[in-house]
Amino acid sequence: MQMRIDMHGQVICLYAEVFDLTVLGTLTIQRASHVEPDASGSWWADLSPVQGPRLGPYQLRSEALHAEEEWINEHIF
């Protein structure tokens, strides 16, 4: 899990249940993307909530989730 801590002590990370994040303080959780299928059953990762691209199509949801995580780790961190 990658985390970024700004000069004000705010921690930014891709949410995961690796450990209890509440130990860091009050949480504010915001959606970074939408991973959803289209009418043909292909999967897309729409990163518009963080001003990112729409990635896909992928055959498997897990592939779209992986692409989403890679993009966030590369561009947010």
C-alpha atoms as a PDB file:
ATOM      1  CA  MET A   1       0.000   0.000   0.000  1.00  0.00           C
ATOM      2  CA  GLN A   2       1.410   3.358  -1.030  1.00  0.00           C
ATOM      3  CA  MET A   3       0.662   6.438   1.058  1.00  0.00           C
ATOM      4  CA  ARG A   4       1.377  10.097   0.506  1.00  0.00           C
ATOM      5  CA  ILE A   5       1.607  12.448   3.468  1.00  0.00           C
ATOM      6  CA  ASP A   6       1.418  16.153   2.682  1.00  0.00           C
ATOM      7  CA  MET A   7       3.054  18.982   4.663  1.00  0.00           C
ATOM      8  CA  HIS A   8      -0.116  19.321   6.776  1.00  0.00           C
ATOM      9  CA  GLY A   9      -0.038  15.671   7.819  1.00  0.00           C
ATOM     10  CA  GLN A  10      -2.897  14.595   5.543  1.00  0.00           C
ATOM     11  CA  VAL A  11      -2.484  10.999   4.396  1.00  0.00           C
ATOM     12  CA  ILE A  12      -3.654  10.031   0.903  1.00  0.00           C
ATOM     13  CA  CYS A  13      -3.820   6.399  -0.160  1.00  0.00           C
ATOM     14  CA  LEU A  14      -5.747   3.911  -2.221  1.00  0.00           C
ATOM     15  CA  TYR A  15      -8.138   2.378   0.300  1.00  0.00           C
ATOM     16  CA  ALA A  16      -7.350  -1.189   1.245  1.00  0.00           C
ATOM     17  CA  GLU A  17      -8.092  -3.264   4.295  1.00  0.00           C
ATOM     18  CA  VAL A  18      -4.409  -4.009   4.895  1.00  0.00           C
ATOM     19  CA  PHE A  19      -4.645  -2.410   8.339  1.00  0.00           C
ATOM     20  CA  ASP A  20      -7.101  -0.262  10.276  1.00  0.00           C
ATOM     21  CA  LEU A  21      -6.721   3.195   8.717  1.00  0.00           C
ATOM     22  CA  THR A  22      -8.657   4.804  11.581  1.00  0.00           C
ATOM     23  CA  VAL A  23      -5.464   4.636  13.667  1.00  0.00           C
ATOM     24  CA  LEU A  24      -4.267   7.551  11.499  1.00  0.00           C
ATOM     25  CA  GLY A  25      -7.239   9.725  12.482  1.00  0.00           C
ATOM     26  CA  THR A  26     -10.629  10.613  11.057  1.00  0.00           C
ATOM     27  CA  LEU A  27     -11.125   9.208   7.564  1.00  0.00           C
ATOM     28  CA  THR A  28     -12.501  10.949   4.513  1.00  0.00           C
ATOM     29  CA  ILE A  29     -13.110   8.400   1.772  1.00  0.00           C
ATOM     30  CA  GLN A  30     -13.718   9.538  -1.815  1.00  0.00           C
ATOM     31  CA  ARG A  31     -14.373   7.481  -4.921  1.00  0.00           C
ATOM     32  CA  ALA A  32     -11.462   7.511  -7.373  1.00  0.00           C
ATOM     33  CA  SER A  33     -13.134   5.554 -10.153  1.00  0.00           C
ATOM     34  CA  HIS A  34     -16.031   3.460 -11.365  1.00  0.00           C
ATOM     35  CA  VAL A  35     -15.302  -0.068 -12.602  1.00  0.00           C
ATOM     36  CA  GLU A  36     -18.321  -1.305 -14.524  1.00  0.00           C
ATOM     37  CA  PRO A  37     -19.255  -3.481 -17.487  1.00  0.00           C
ATOM     38  CA  ASP A  38     -20.659  -2.188 -20.751  1.00  0.00           C
ATOM     39  CA  ALA A  39     -23.577  -3.676 -22.705  1.00  0.00           C
ATOM     40  CA  SER A  40     -21.303  -6.272 -24.351  1.00  0.00           C
ATOM     41  CA  GLY A  41     -19.856  -7.490 -21.036  1.00  0.00           C
ATOM     42  CA  SER A  42     -16.478  -5.754 -21.341  1.00  0.00           C
ATOM     43  CA  TRP A  43     -15.133  -4.023 -18.240  1.00  0.00           C
ATOM     44  CA  TRP A  44     -14.030  -0.383 -18.027  1.00  0.00           C
ATOM     45  CA  ALA A  45     -12.260   1.621 -15.330  1.00  0.00           C
ATOM     46  CA  ASP A  46     -13.513   5.212 -15.449  1.00  0.00           C
ATOM     47  CA  LEU A  47     -11.120   7.436 -13.524  1.00  0.00           C
ATOM     48  CA  SER A  48     -12.982  10.687 -14.193  1.00  0.00           C
ATOM     49  CA  PRO A  49     -13.569  11.306 -10.446  1.00  0.00           C
ATOM     50  CA  VAL A  50      -9.806  12.031 -10.210  1.00  0.00           C
ATOM     51  CA  GLN A  51      -9.607  13.713 -13.649  1.00  0.00           C
ATOM     52  CA  GLY A  52      -8.215  10.537 -15.197  1.00  0.00           C
ATOM     53  CA  PRO A  53      -8.961   8.558 -18.349  1.00  0.00           C
ATOM     54  CA  ARG A  54     -11.374   5.751 -19.089  1.00  0.00           C
ATOM     55  CA  LEU A  55      -9.337   2.534 -19.275  1.00  0.00           C
ATOM     56  CA  GLY A  56     -10.431  -0.540 -21.164  1.00  0.00           C
ATOM     57  CA  PRO A  57     -12.036  -2.564 -22.455  1.00  0.00           C
ATOM     58  CA  TYR A  58     -11.017  -5.591 -20.382  1.00  0.00           C
ATOM     59  CA  GLN A  59     -12.434  -9.098 -20.531  1.00  0.00           C
ATOM     60  CA  LEU A  60     -12.324  -9.546 -16.762  1.00  0.00           C
ATOM     61  CA  ARG A  61     -13.332  -7.227 -13.947  1.00  0.00           C
ATOM     62  CA  SER A  62     -10.090  -8.117 -12.145  1.00  0.00           C
ATOM     63  CA  GLU A  63      -8.109  -6.783 -15.133  1.00  0.00           C
ATOM     64  CA  ALA A  64      -9.968  -3.461 -14.963  1.00  0.00           C
ATOM     65  CA  LEU A  65      -9.391  -3.268 -11.205  1.00  0.00           C
ATOM     66  CA  HIS A  66      -5.687  -3.938 -11.698  1.00  0.00           C
ATOM     67  CA  ALA A  67      -5.421  -1.242 -14.395  1.00  0.00           C
ATOM     68  CA  GLU A  68      -7.285   1.177 -12.116  1.00  0.00           C
ATOM     69  CA  GLU A  69      -4.876   0.536  -9.238  1.00  0.00           C
ATOM     70  CA  GLU A  70      -1.800   0.873 -11.466  1.00  0.00           C
ATOM     71  CA  TRP A  71      -3.030   4.186 -12.918  1.00  0.00           C
ATOM     72  CA  ILE A  72      -3.801   5.602  -9.477  1.00  0.00           C
ATOM     73  CA  ASN A  73      -0.440   4.506  -8.059  1.00  0.00           C
ATOM     74  CA  GLU A  74       1.400   6.018 -11.031  1.00  0.00           C
ATOM     75  CA  HIS A  75      -0.506   9.312 -11.257  1.00  0.00           C
ATOM     76  CA  ILE A  76      -1.641  10.068  -7.704  1.00  0.00           C
ATOM     77  CA  PHE A  77       1.511   8.940  -5.934  1.00  0.00           C
END
